[in-house]
């Protein structure tokens, strides 16, 4: 099997060591077997995506010595694909409009909690929505699971996993402020780009249950997954943009050798003060 992997950052901030850790693993997974490594910029969040962050991503990958195949793909240029996928699910009767706000959902006494936090309680599922009002489109999870039947997916670390998307509730597939959500766009793009192996952080493991369901509903192939452990700083906190993780640009400015760093990451060696989270 010819292997194709991808690195798909969002240009909403500077990349940090955790991004490099993930990009290196995806690059190695492809290059070690003569496969292809693709770069996709997930920039459909128009309120937070910035051109300067795109430039920073390209500079960081060049500094690390991570080359990619073909042109860089931008999700903002692929909105018609997401609309077509949503229309297909709409024809199948598996999505519905929702006008609820986050405050509405948080205030709902019946709202349970799932892997991603508060689960939508289905307020608009049977309600005639006013489409003149701001609305998102949600997947009718129970109906979707019934249509798809039992599903599994394979993770190179965790093994064969029985898909269990029900705990996510009626997830958003198209946001009020964007024509797609992460769940829908990443599923459509991975199939369109021929991604055979998805290498990404363990924080996205639970989302894969939803992606496997969407693959079945849309008739798309299922890649092999590899959800790698995440990195933590000296305080034990997971590296993240919102936590102010040191950027690769700062490491570069401090004189660190990017290619040497990438080689160390490939061998599992981390800079002093960083570690791997156990869960």
C-alpha atoms as a PDB file:
ATOM      1  CA  UNK A   1       0.000   0.000   0.000  1.00  0.00           C
ATOM      2  CA  UNK A   2       1.317   3.445  -0.939  1.00  0.00           C
ATOM      3  CA  UNK A   3       1.313   5.679   2.151  1.00  0.00           C
ATOM      4  CA  UNK A   4       0.095   9.291   2.096  1.00  0.00           C
ATOM      5  CA  UNK A   5       0.077  11.369   5.274  1.00  0.00           C
ATOM      6  CA  UNK A   6      -0.615  15.018   5.941  1.00  0.00           C
ATOM      7  CA  UNK A   7       0.076  17.855   8.363  1.00  0.00           C
ATOM      8  CA  UNK A   8      -2.943  20.121   8.693  1.00  0.00           C
ATOM      9  CA  UNK A   9      -2.416  23.092  11.039  1.00  0.00           C
ATOM     10  CA  UNK A  10      -4.815  25.988  11.556  1.00  0.00           C
ATOM     11  CA  UNK A  11      -3.248  29.433  10.967  1.00  0.00           C
ATOM     12  CA  UNK A  12      -4.651  30.894  14.185  1.00  0.00           C
ATOM     13  CA  UNK A  13      -1.345  31.323  15.948  1.00  0.00           C
ATOM     14  CA  UNK A  14       2.318  30.381  15.894  1.00  0.00           C
ATOM     15  CA  UNK A  15       3.349  26.730  15.787  1.00  0.00           C
ATOM     16  CA  UNK A  16       5.021  25.307  18.892  1.00  0.00           C
ATOM     17  CA  UNK A  17       7.049  22.209  19.738  1.00  0.00           C
ATOM     18  CA  UNK A  18       3.925  20.061  19.933  1.00  0.00           C
ATOM     19  CA  UNK A  19       3.141  20.886  16.311  1.00  0.00           C
ATOM     20  CA  UNK A  20       6.709  19.996  15.307  1.00  0.00           C
ATOM     21  CA  UNK A  21       6.381  16.688  17.180  1.00  0.00           C
ATOM     22  CA  UNK A  22       3.249  15.830  15.193  1.00  0.00           C
ATOM     23  CA  UNK A  23       4.556  17.071  11.833  1.00  0.00           C
ATOM     24  CA  UNK A  24       7.776  15.089  12.189  1.00  0.00           C
ATOM     25  CA  UNK A  25       5.884  11.883  12.967  1.00  0.00           C
ATOM     26  CA  UNK A  26       3.584  12.333   9.970  1.00  0.00           C
ATOM     27  CA  UNK A  27       6.549  13.126   7.729  1.00  0.00           C
ATOM     28  CA  UNK A  28       8.527  10.111   8.931  1.00  0.00           C
ATOM     29  CA  UNK A  29       5.525   7.776   8.588  1.00  0.00           C
ATOM     30  CA  UNK A  30       5.377   8.608   4.885  1.00  0.00           C
ATOM     31  CA  UNK A  31       9.016   9.169   3.950  1.00  0.00           C
ATOM     32  CA  UNK A  32      10.343   6.015   5.636  1.00  0.00           C
ATOM     33  CA  UNK A  33       8.303   3.909   3.187  1.00  0.00           C
ATOM     34  CA  UNK A  34       8.695   6.133   0.130  1.00  0.00           C
ATOM     35  CA  UNK A  35       5.269   7.704   0.583  1.00  0.00           C
ATOM     36  CA  UNK A  36       3.830  11.178   0.155  1.00  0.00           C
ATOM     37  CA  UNK A  37       3.542  13.921   2.780  1.00  0.00           C
ATOM     38  CA  UNK A  38       0.988  16.673   2.141  1.00  0.00           C
ATOM     39  CA  UNK A  39       0.449  20.080   3.729  1.00  0.00           C
ATOM     40  CA  UNK A  40      -3.072  21.411   4.263  1.00  0.00           C
ATOM     41  CA  UNK A  41      -3.900  24.758   5.884  1.00  0.00           C
ATOM     42  CA  UNK A  42      -7.195  24.553   7.772  1.00  0.00           C
ATOM     43  CA  UNK A  43      -8.203  28.191   7.471  1.00  0.00           C
ATOM     44  CA  UNK A  44     -12.011  28.153   7.413  1.00  0.00           C
ATOM     45  CA  UNK A  45     -12.131  30.088  10.697  1.00  0.00           C
ATOM     46  CA  UNK A  46     -12.243  33.493   9.058  1.00  0.00           C
ATOM     47  CA  UNK A  47     -12.301  35.372  12.362  1.00  0.00           C
ATOM     48  CA  UNK A  48      -9.008  33.901  13.650  1.00  0.00           C
ATOM     49  CA  UNK A  49      -6.993  32.763  10.607  1.00  0.00           C
ATOM     50  CA  UNK A  50      -4.210  35.156   9.607  1.00  0.00           C
ATOM     51  CA  UNK A  51      -1.926  35.303   6.527  1.00  0.00           C
ATOM     52  CA  UNK A  52       1.067  35.956   8.755  1.00  0.00           C
ATOM     53  CA  UNK A  53       0.457  32.657  10.539  1.00  0.00           C
ATOM     54  CA  UNK A  54       0.396  30.849   7.177  1.00  0.00           C
ATOM     55  CA  UNK A  55       3.768  32.393   6.364  1.00  0.00           C
ATOM     56  CA  UNK A  56       5.004  31.335   9.790  1.00  0.00           C
ATOM     57  CA  UNK A  57       3.911  27.720   9.228  1.00  0.00           C
ATOM     58  CA  UNK A  58       5.807  27.543   5.943  1.00  0.00           C
ATOM     59  CA  UNK A  59       8.899  29.085   7.515  1.00  0.00           C
ATOM     60  CA  UNK A  60       8.756  26.685  10.470  1.00  0.00           C
ATOM     61  CA  UNK A  61       8.504  23.586   8.271  1.00  0.00           C
ATOM     62  CA  UNK A  62      11.378  24.815   6.113  1.00  0.00           C
ATOM     63  CA  UNK A  63      13.447  25.406   9.258  1.00  0.00           C
ATOM     64  CA  UNK A  64      12.696  21.853  10.418  1.00  0.00           C
ATOM     65  CA  UNK A  65      13.640  20.484   6.989  1.00  0.00           C
ATOM     66  CA  UNK A  66      10.202  18.950   6.429  1.00  0.00           C
ATOM     67  CA  UNK A  67       9.401  19.058   2.710  1.00  0.00           C
ATOM     68  CA  UNK A  68       5.945  18.287   1.330  1.00  0.00           C
ATOM     69  CA  UNK A  69       4.585  16.982  -1.953  1.00  0.00           C
ATOM     70  CA  UNK A  70       2.470  19.035  -4.341  1.00  0.00           C
ATOM     71  CA  UNK A  71       0.834  22.375  -3.685  1.00  0.00           C
ATOM     72  CA  UNK A  72      -0.299  23.549  -0.277  1.00  0.00           C
ATOM     73  CA  UNK A  73      -4.061  23.021   0.034  1.00  0.00           C
ATOM     74  CA  UNK A  74      -6.191  25.717   1.684  1.00  0.00           C
ATOM     75  CA  UNK A  75      -9.577  24.772   3.098  1.00  0.00           C
ATOM     76  CA  UNK A  76     -10.908  28.245   2.341  1.00  0.00           C
ATOM     77  CA  UNK A  77     -10.672  27.325  -1.361  1.00  0.00           C
ATOM     78  CA  UNK A  78     -12.664  24.122  -0.916  1.00  0.00           C
ATOM     79  CA  UNK A  79     -15.919  25.382   0.610  1.00  0.00           C
ATOM     80  CA  UNK A  80     -18.004  23.993  -2.244  1.00  0.00           C
ATOM     81  CA  UNK A  81     -16.896  20.470  -1.315  1.00  0.00           C
ATOM     82  CA  UNK A  82     -18.177  20.884   2.236  1.00  0.00           C
ATOM     83  CA  UNK A  83     -21.460  22.359   1.024  1.00  0.00           C
ATOM     84  CA  UNK A  84     -21.934  19.386  -1.316  1.00  0.00           C
ATOM     85  CA  UNK A  85     -21.294  16.915   1.510  1.00  0.00           C
ATOM     86  CA  UNK A  86     -23.731  18.740   3.796  1.00  0.00           C
ATOM     87  CA  UNK A  87     -26.348  18.788   1.022  1.00  0.00           C
ATOM     88  CA  UNK A  88     -25.957  15.038   0.623  1.00  0.00           C
ATOM     89  CA  UNK A  89     -26.593  14.489   4.323  1.00  0.00           C
ATOM     90  CA  UNK A  90     -29.531  16.895   4.172  1.00  0.00           C
ATOM     91  CA  UNK A  91     -31.116  14.872   1.348  1.00  0.00           C
ATOM     92  CA  UNK A  92     -30.652  11.770   3.501  1.00  0.00           C
ATOM     93  CA  UNK A  93     -32.591  13.487   6.283  1.00  0.00           C
ATOM     94  CA  UNK A  94     -29.662  13.307   8.692  1.00  0.00           C
ATOM     95  CA  UNK A  95     -29.065  16.993   9.499  1.00  0.00           C
ATOM     96  CA  UNK A  96     -31.240  19.742  10.906  1.00  0.00           C
ATOM     97  CA  UNK A  97     -30.877  23.505  11.503  1.00  0.00           C
ATOM     98  CA  UNK A  98     -30.249  24.728  15.031  1.00  0.00           C
ATOM     99  CA  UNK A  99     -30.651  28.310  16.252  1.00  0.00           C
ATOM    100  CA  UNK A 100     -29.535  27.660  19.846  1.00  0.00           C
ATOM    101  CA  UNK A 101     -26.753  29.766  21.277  1.00  0.00           C
ATOM    102  CA  UNK A 102     -23.995  28.472  23.537  1.00  0.00           C
ATOM    103  CA  UNK A 103     -25.782  30.110  26.442  1.00  0.00           C
ATOM    104  CA  UNK A 104     -28.993  28.280  25.538  1.00  0.00           C
ATOM    105  CA  UNK A 105     -27.182  24.954  25.540  1.00  0.00           C
ATOM    106  CA  UNK A 106     -25.311  25.644  28.774  1.00  0.00           C
ATOM    107  CA  UNK A 107     -28.586  26.598  30.466  1.00  0.00           C
ATOM    108  CA  UNK A 108     -30.400  23.431  29.373  1.00  0.00           C
ATOM    109  CA  UNK A 109     -30.889  21.266  32.443  1.00  0.00           C
ATOM    110  CA  UNK A 110     -30.969  18.146  30.277  1.00  0.00           C
ATOM    111  CA  UNK A 111     -27.625  18.778  28.598  1.00  0.00           C
ATOM    112  CA  UNK A 112     -25.280  15.849  29.410  1.00  0.00           C
ATOM    113  CA  UNK A 113     -21.497  15.853  29.091  1.00  0.00           C
ATOM    114  CA  UNK A 114     -19.421  13.965  26.537  1.00  0.00           C
ATOM    115  CA  UNK A 115     -15.787  13.772  25.372  1.00  0.00           C
ATOM    116  CA  UNK A 116     -15.833  17.387  24.128  1.00  0.00           C
ATOM    117  CA  UNK A 117     -17.801  18.897  27.019  1.00  0.00           C
ATOM    118  CA  UNK A 118     -21.503  19.740  27.134  1.00  0.00           C
ATOM    119  CA  UNK A 119     -23.493  17.623  24.669  1.00  0.00           C
ATOM    120  CA  UNK A 120     -26.274  19.322  22.746  1.00  0.00           C
ATOM    121  CA  UNK A 121     -29.632  18.168  24.225  1.00  0.00           C
ATOM    122  CA  UNK A 122     -31.462  18.116  20.884  1.00  0.00           C
ATOM    123  CA  UNK A 123     -33.626  21.183  21.487  1.00  0.00           C
ATOM    124  CA  UNK A 124     -34.055  22.011  17.772  1.00  0.00           C
ATOM    125  CA  UNK A 125     -34.215  18.446  16.495  1.00  0.00           C
ATOM    126  CA  UNK A 126     -38.009  18.360  16.242  1.00  0.00           C
ATOM    127  CA  UNK A 127     -38.536  22.119  16.067  1.00  0.00           C
ATOM    128  CA  UNK A 128     -39.412  24.019  12.900  1.00  0.00           C
ATOM    129  CA  UNK A 129     -36.430  26.349  12.657  1.00  0.00           C
ATOM    130  CA  UNK A 130     -36.617  29.896  11.372  1.00  0.00           C
ATOM    131  CA  UNK A 131     -33.879  29.865   8.718  1.00  0.00           C
ATOM    132  CA  UNK A 132     -33.928  33.660   8.593  1.00  0.00           C
ATOM    133  CA  UNK A 133     -32.213  33.519  11.999  1.00  0.00           C
ATOM    134  CA  UNK A 134     -28.512  32.654  12.437  1.00  0.00           C
ATOM    135  CA  UNK A 135     -28.292  28.876  12.541  1.00  0.00           C
ATOM    136  CA  UNK A 136     -25.879  25.986  12.340  1.00  0.00           C
ATOM    137  CA  UNK A 137     -26.524  22.517  10.931  1.00  0.00           C
ATOM    138  CA  UNK A 138     -26.322  19.527  13.258  1.00  0.00           C
ATOM    139  CA  UNK A 139     -26.061  15.827  12.580  1.00  0.00           C
ATOM    140  CA  UNK A 140     -29.018  13.822  13.926  1.00  0.00           C
ATOM    141  CA  UNK A 141     -26.722  11.385  15.679  1.00  0.00           C
ATOM    142  CA  UNK A 142     -29.268   8.675  16.481  1.00  0.00           C
ATOM    143  CA  UNK A 143     -30.576   8.630  12.908  1.00  0.00           C
ATOM    144  CA  UNK A 144     -27.042   8.666  11.488  1.00  0.00           C
ATOM    145  CA  UNK A 145     -25.911   5.736  13.630  1.00  0.00           C
ATOM    146  CA  UNK A 146     -29.015   3.773  12.622  1.00  0.00           C
ATOM    147  CA  UNK A 147     -28.276   4.458   8.942  1.00  0.00           C
ATOM    148  CA  UNK A 148     -24.598   3.512   9.162  1.00  0.00           C
ATOM    149  CA  UNK A 149     -24.755   0.473  11.434  1.00  0.00           C
ATOM    150  CA  UNK A 150     -21.794  -0.847  13.489  1.00  0.00           C
ATOM    151  CA  UNK A 151     -18.417   0.589  12.479  1.00  0.00           C
ATOM    152  CA  UNK A 152     -14.765   0.086  13.385  1.00  0.00           C
ATOM    153  CA  UNK A 153     -11.490   1.844  12.678  1.00  0.00           C
ATOM    154  CA  UNK A 154      -7.829   0.948  13.150  1.00  0.00           C
ATOM    155  CA  UNK A 155      -5.233   2.827  15.173  1.00  0.00           C
ATOM    156  CA  UNK A 156      -1.594   1.756  14.846  1.00  0.00           C
ATOM    157  CA  UNK A 157      -1.132   2.281  18.577  1.00  0.00           C
ATOM    158  CA  UNK A 158      -4.524   1.401  20.115  1.00  0.00           C
ATOM    159  CA  UNK A 159      -5.533  -1.369  17.708  1.00  0.00           C
ATOM    160  CA  UNK A 160      -9.029  -2.017  16.345  1.00  0.00           C
ATOM    161  CA  UNK A 161     -11.596   0.404  17.801  1.00  0.00           C
ATOM    162  CA  UNK A 162     -15.371   0.065  17.723  1.00  0.00           C
ATOM    163  CA  UNK A 163     -16.741   3.446  16.682  1.00  0.00           C
ATOM    164  CA  UNK A 164     -18.886   5.051  19.388  1.00  0.00           C
ATOM    165  CA  UNK A 165     -19.963   8.487  18.140  1.00  0.00           C
ATOM    166  CA  UNK A 166     -23.166   8.584  20.207  1.00  0.00           C
ATOM    167  CA  UNK A 167     -21.435  10.158  23.208  1.00  0.00           C
ATOM    168  CA  UNK A 168     -20.731  13.287  21.109  1.00  0.00           C
ATOM    169  CA  UNK A 169     -24.428  13.988  20.580  1.00  0.00           C
ATOM    170  CA  UNK A 170     -25.744  15.938  17.614  1.00  0.00           C
ATOM    171  CA  UNK A 171     -22.453  17.500  16.509  1.00  0.00           C
ATOM    172  CA  UNK A 172     -22.274  20.667  14.416  1.00  0.00           C
ATOM    173  CA  UNK A 173     -21.380  20.067  10.763  1.00  0.00           C
ATOM    174  CA  UNK A 174     -21.772  23.646   9.517  1.00  0.00           C
ATOM    175  CA  UNK A 175     -21.320  26.559  11.888  1.00  0.00           C
ATOM    176  CA  UNK A 176     -23.288  29.782  12.053  1.00  0.00           C
ATOM    177  CA  UNK A 177     -20.190  31.705  10.963  1.00  0.00           C
ATOM    178  CA  UNK A 178     -18.655  29.136   8.579  1.00  0.00           C
ATOM    179  CA  UNK A 179     -19.956  26.699   5.958  1.00  0.00           C
ATOM    180  CA  UNK A 180     -18.334  23.733   7.676  1.00  0.00           C
ATOM    181  CA  UNK A 181     -17.060  22.445  10.988  1.00  0.00           C
ATOM    182  CA  UNK A 182     -13.808  20.660  11.745  1.00  0.00           C
ATOM    183  CA  UNK A 183     -15.565  17.271  11.724  1.00  0.00           C
ATOM    184  CA  UNK A 184     -17.004  17.664   8.231  1.00  0.00           C
ATOM    185  CA  UNK A 185     -14.136  19.489   6.503  1.00  0.00           C
ATOM    186  CA  UNK A 186     -11.383  17.192   7.740  1.00  0.00           C
ATOM    187  CA  UNK A 187     -13.334  14.088   6.763  1.00  0.00           C
ATOM    188  CA  UNK A 188     -14.066  15.395   3.267  1.00  0.00           C
ATOM    189  CA  UNK A 189     -10.518  16.658   2.675  1.00  0.00           C
ATOM    190  CA  UNK A 190      -8.716  13.537   3.898  1.00  0.00           C
ATOM    191  CA  UNK A 191     -10.730  11.474   1.425  1.00  0.00           C
ATOM    192  CA  UNK A 192     -10.327  13.962  -1.443  1.00  0.00           C
ATOM    193  CA  UNK A 193      -6.551  14.108  -0.935  1.00  0.00           C
ATOM    194  CA  UNK A 194      -6.165  10.329  -0.747  1.00  0.00           C
ATOM    195  CA  UNK A 195      -4.809  10.309   2.797  1.00  0.00           C
ATOM    196  CA  UNK A 196      -4.115   6.678   3.755  1.00  0.00           C
ATOM    197  CA  UNK A 197      -2.618   7.248   7.208  1.00  0.00           C
ATOM    198  CA  UNK A 198      -3.639  10.027   9.585  1.00  0.00           C
ATOM    199  CA  UNK A 199      -0.973  10.851  12.169  1.00  0.00           C
ATOM    200  CA  UNK A 200      -2.200  13.290  14.814  1.00  0.00           C
ATOM    201  CA  UNK A 201      -2.294  13.893  18.551  1.00  0.00           C
ATOM    202  CA  UNK A 202      -4.125  11.787  21.096  1.00  0.00           C
ATOM    203  CA  UNK A 203      -6.330  14.784  21.871  1.00  0.00           C
ATOM    204  CA  UNK A 204      -8.182  14.032  18.604  1.00  0.00           C
ATOM    205  CA  UNK A 205      -8.730  10.339  19.308  1.00  0.00           C
ATOM    206  CA  UNK A 206     -12.347  10.808  20.426  1.00  0.00           C
ATOM    207  CA  UNK A 207     -13.168  12.924  17.369  1.00  0.00           C
ATOM    208  CA  UNK A 208     -12.288   9.958  15.190  1.00  0.00           C
ATOM    209  CA  UNK A 209     -15.499   8.216  16.292  1.00  0.00           C
ATOM    210  CA  UNK A 210     -17.449  11.007  14.568  1.00  0.00           C
ATOM    211  CA  UNK A 211     -15.175  11.014  11.520  1.00  0.00           C
ATOM    212  CA  UNK A 212     -15.642   7.266  11.050  1.00  0.00           C
ATOM    213  CA  UNK A 213     -19.413   7.764  11.067  1.00  0.00           C
ATOM    214  CA  UNK A 214     -19.226  10.557   8.487  1.00  0.00           C
ATOM    215  CA  UNK A 215     -17.001   8.409   6.269  1.00  0.00           C
ATOM    216  CA  UNK A 216     -19.653   5.694   6.273  1.00  0.00           C
ATOM    217  CA  UNK A 217     -22.522   8.090   5.583  1.00  0.00           C
ATOM    218  CA  UNK A 218     -20.703   9.818   2.715  1.00  0.00           C
ATOM    219  CA  UNK A 219     -19.261   6.652   1.202  1.00  0.00           C
ATOM    220  CA  UNK A 220     -15.648   7.685   1.863  1.00  0.00           C
ATOM    221  CA  UNK A 221     -12.637   5.431   2.565  1.00  0.00           C
ATOM    222  CA  UNK A 222     -11.349   4.991   6.113  1.00  0.00           C
ATOM    223  CA  UNK A 223      -7.645   5.734   6.646  1.00  0.00           C
ATOM    224  CA  UNK A 224      -5.449   4.022   9.198  1.00  0.00           C
ATOM    225  CA  UNK A 225      -4.906   6.260  12.221  1.00  0.00           C
ATOM    226  CA  UNK A 226      -2.017   6.848  14.563  1.00  0.00           C
ATOM    227  CA  UNK A 227      -2.847   9.027  17.579  1.00  0.00           C
ATOM    228  CA  UNK A 228       0.481   9.804  19.183  1.00  0.00           C
ATOM    229  CA  UNK A 229       1.093  10.977  22.774  1.00  0.00           C
ATOM    230  CA  UNK A 230       1.135  14.714  23.425  1.00  0.00           C
ATOM    231  CA  UNK A 231       3.953  16.876  24.743  1.00  0.00           C
ATOM    232  CA  UNK A 232       3.966  18.778  28.019  1.00  0.00           C
ATOM    233  CA  UNK A 233       6.059  21.617  29.381  1.00  0.00           C
ATOM    234  CA  UNK A 234       8.036  21.665  32.615  1.00  0.00           C
ATOM    235  CA  UNK A 235       4.823  22.285  34.602  1.00  0.00           C
ATOM    236  CA  UNK A 236       3.207  19.137  33.201  1.00  0.00           C
ATOM    237  CA  UNK A 237       0.626  21.095  31.205  1.00  0.00           C
ATOM    238  CA  UNK A 238      -0.077  20.010  27.630  1.00  0.00           C
ATOM    239  CA  UNK A 239       1.544  22.287  25.081  1.00  0.00           C
ATOM    240  CA  UNK A 240      -1.104  24.465  23.449  1.00  0.00           C
ATOM    241  CA  UNK A 241      -1.394  27.868  21.805  1.00  0.00           C
ATOM    242  CA  UNK A 242      -3.829  29.048  24.449  1.00  0.00           C
ATOM    243  CA  UNK A 243      -1.370  28.117  27.212  1.00  0.00           C
ATOM    244  CA  UNK A 244       1.381  30.226  25.675  1.00  0.00           C
ATOM    245  CA  UNK A 245       3.610  27.347  24.570  1.00  0.00           C
ATOM    246  CA  UNK A 246       7.003  28.558  23.266  1.00  0.00           C
ATOM    247  CA  UNK A 247       6.759  29.064  19.514  1.00  0.00           C
ATOM    248  CA  UNK A 248       9.059  27.492  16.938  1.00  0.00           C
ATOM    249  CA  UNK A 249       9.756  31.016  15.702  1.00  0.00           C
ATOM    250  CA  UNK A 250      11.150  31.890  19.134  1.00  0.00           C
ATOM    251  CA  UNK A 251      13.307  28.749  19.178  1.00  0.00           C
ATOM    252  CA  UNK A 252      14.588  29.661  15.725  1.00  0.00           C
ATOM    253  CA  UNK A 253      15.339  33.217  16.818  1.00  0.00           C
ATOM    254  CA  UNK A 254      17.237  31.844  19.811  1.00  0.00           C
ATOM    255  CA  UNK A 255      19.586  30.054  17.432  1.00  0.00           C
ATOM    256  CA  UNK A 256      18.308  26.481  17.695  1.00  0.00           C
ATOM    257  CA  UNK A 257      19.108  24.231  14.733  1.00  0.00           C
ATOM    258  CA  UNK A 258      15.723  23.230  13.295  1.00  0.00           C
ATOM    259  CA  UNK A 259      16.945  20.201  11.347  1.00  0.00           C
ATOM    260  CA  UNK A 260      18.774  18.887  14.391  1.00  0.00           C
ATOM    261  CA  UNK A 261      15.598  19.396  16.416  1.00  0.00           C
ATOM    262  CA  UNK A 262      13.571  17.444  13.849  1.00  0.00           C
ATOM    263  CA  UNK A 263      16.106  14.609  13.930  1.00  0.00           C
ATOM    264  CA  UNK A 264      15.930  14.523  17.731  1.00  0.00           C
ATOM    265  CA  UNK A 265      12.140  14.419  17.629  1.00  0.00           C
ATOM    266  CA  UNK A 266      12.283  11.582  15.093  1.00  0.00           C
ATOM    267  CA  UNK A 267      14.419   9.642  17.573  1.00  0.00           C
ATOM    268  CA  UNK A 268      12.136  10.498  20.494  1.00  0.00           C
ATOM    269  CA  UNK A 269      14.545  12.936  22.112  1.00  0.00           C
ATOM    270  CA  UNK A 270      12.961  16.123  23.475  1.00  0.00           C
ATOM    271  CA  UNK A 271      14.551  19.446  24.445  1.00  0.00           C
ATOM    272  CA  UNK A 272      15.295  19.874  28.131  1.00  0.00           C
ATOM    273  CA  UNK A 273      12.164  20.783  30.094  1.00  0.00           C
ATOM    274  CA  UNK A 274       9.698  18.995  27.820  1.00  0.00           C
ATOM    275  CA  UNK A 275       8.128  15.581  28.273  1.00  0.00           C
ATOM    276  CA  UNK A 276       5.540  13.183  26.895  1.00  0.00           C
ATOM    277  CA  UNK A 277       2.148  12.988  28.549  1.00  0.00           C
ATOM    278  CA  UNK A 278       1.165   9.492  29.654  1.00  0.00           C
ATOM    279  CA  UNK A 279      -2.529   9.949  28.774  1.00  0.00           C
END
